[in-house]
Protein backbone atom coordinates (compact mmCIF):
# COMPACT_ATOMS: atom_id res chain seq x y z
CA MET A 1 90.37 44.69 147.13
CA LYS A 2 88.76 45.74 150.39
CA GLY A 3 89.90 45.05 153.92
CA ILE A 4 88.54 45.46 157.43
CA ILE A 5 90.78 47.09 160.01
CA THR A 6 90.00 46.85 163.72
CA VAL A 7 91.81 48.80 166.42
CA LEU A 8 91.35 48.01 170.12
CA GLY A 9 93.07 49.30 173.24
CA LYS A 10 93.24 51.89 175.96
CA ASP A 11 92.24 55.32 174.67
CA LYS A 12 94.99 57.89 174.11
CA VAL A 13 95.67 60.87 171.90
CA GLY A 14 96.72 60.16 168.30
CA ILE A 15 95.47 56.63 167.64
CA ILE A 16 93.39 57.57 164.59
CA ALA A 17 96.11 59.94 163.37
CA LYS A 18 98.82 57.26 163.45
CA VAL A 19 96.69 54.67 161.66
CA CYS A 20 95.43 57.12 159.03
CA THR A 21 98.94 58.47 158.42
CA TYR A 22 100.25 54.99 157.71
CA LEU A 23 97.34 54.25 155.36
CA ALA A 24 97.74 57.53 153.46
CA GLU A 25 101.50 57.01 153.05
CA HIS A 26 100.82 53.63 151.41
CA GLN A 27 97.88 54.62 149.18
CA VAL A 28 95.26 52.73 151.19
CA ASN A 29 91.92 54.55 150.85
CA ILE A 30 89.58 54.73 153.84
CA LEU A 31 86.02 54.04 152.67
CA ASP A 32 84.25 54.02 156.04
CA ILE A 33 85.27 54.52 159.64
CA SER A 34 83.51 54.09 162.96
CA GLN A 35 85.00 54.58 166.39
CA THR A 36 83.70 54.51 169.92
CA ILE A 37 85.15 54.89 173.37
CA VAL A 38 83.59 52.79 176.11
CA GLN A 39 84.87 54.07 179.44
CA ASP A 40 88.63 54.23 178.71
CA TYR A 41 88.68 51.68 175.89
CA PHE A 42 89.06 52.69 172.25
CA ASN A 43 87.37 50.63 169.52
CA MET A 44 87.61 51.50 165.83
CA MET A 45 86.57 49.69 162.67
CA MET A 46 87.53 50.82 159.18
CA ILE A 47 86.68 49.55 155.73
CA VAL A 48 89.56 50.27 153.38
CA ASP A 49 90.38 49.87 149.71
CA ILE A 50 93.83 48.34 149.32
CA SER A 51 93.83 48.07 145.53
CA GLY A 52 95.77 51.34 145.09
CA SER A 53 98.64 50.29 147.33
CA THR A 54 101.90 48.95 145.92
CA ARG A 55 102.55 47.01 149.14
CA PRO A 56 101.39 43.39 149.38
CA PHE A 57 98.44 42.68 151.69
CA GLU A 58 100.60 40.61 154.07
CA THR A 59 103.11 43.46 154.43
CA ILE A 60 100.35 45.92 155.31
CA VAL A 61 99.06 43.45 157.91
CA GLU A 62 102.52 43.23 159.51
CA ASP A 63 103.15 46.97 159.29
CA LEU A 64 99.84 47.76 161.01
CA GLN A 65 100.68 45.30 163.79
CA HIS A 66 103.95 47.22 164.33
CA VAL A 67 102.10 50.56 164.33
CA GLY A 68 99.76 49.13 166.96
CA GLU A 69 102.63 47.91 169.13
CA ALA A 70 104.27 51.34 168.93
CA ILE A 71 101.15 53.11 170.20
CA GLY A 72 99.93 50.43 172.60
CA VAL A 73 96.87 49.12 170.77
CA GLU A 74 96.01 46.00 168.79
CA ILE A 75 95.49 46.54 165.07
CA LYS A 76 94.24 43.79 162.75
CA LEU A 77 93.64 43.89 159.02
CA GLN A 78 91.50 41.16 157.51
CA HIS A 79 90.47 40.60 153.92
CA GLU A 80 86.82 41.44 153.15
CA ASP A 81 86.33 37.93 151.73
CA ILE A 82 86.57 36.45 155.25
CA PHE A 83 83.47 38.38 156.28
CA ASN A 84 81.60 37.61 153.06
CA ILE A 85 82.24 33.88 153.47
CA MET A 86 81.23 33.92 157.17
CA HIS A 87 77.84 35.34 156.22
CA ARG A 88 77.26 32.69 153.55
CA ILE A 89 77.74 29.77 155.94
């Protein structure tokens, strides 16, 4: 199962490190990552494979929201199917 993670917020040191550390600790594999900084705003998108994780999808969603709150950014995880369905409509 694949998911799409987006991270938005003011740029600061360690954003990618915190997100990647959480994912590695819970066996979520990063398949692709893109990040940009526009002026002082950080924007990152990741495609991840969640199938190796023992944590339920909903728990990972909540955990990533907490990670985001702790570092002052907004982190969202959405199931890949949402994007596939949007493009079919």
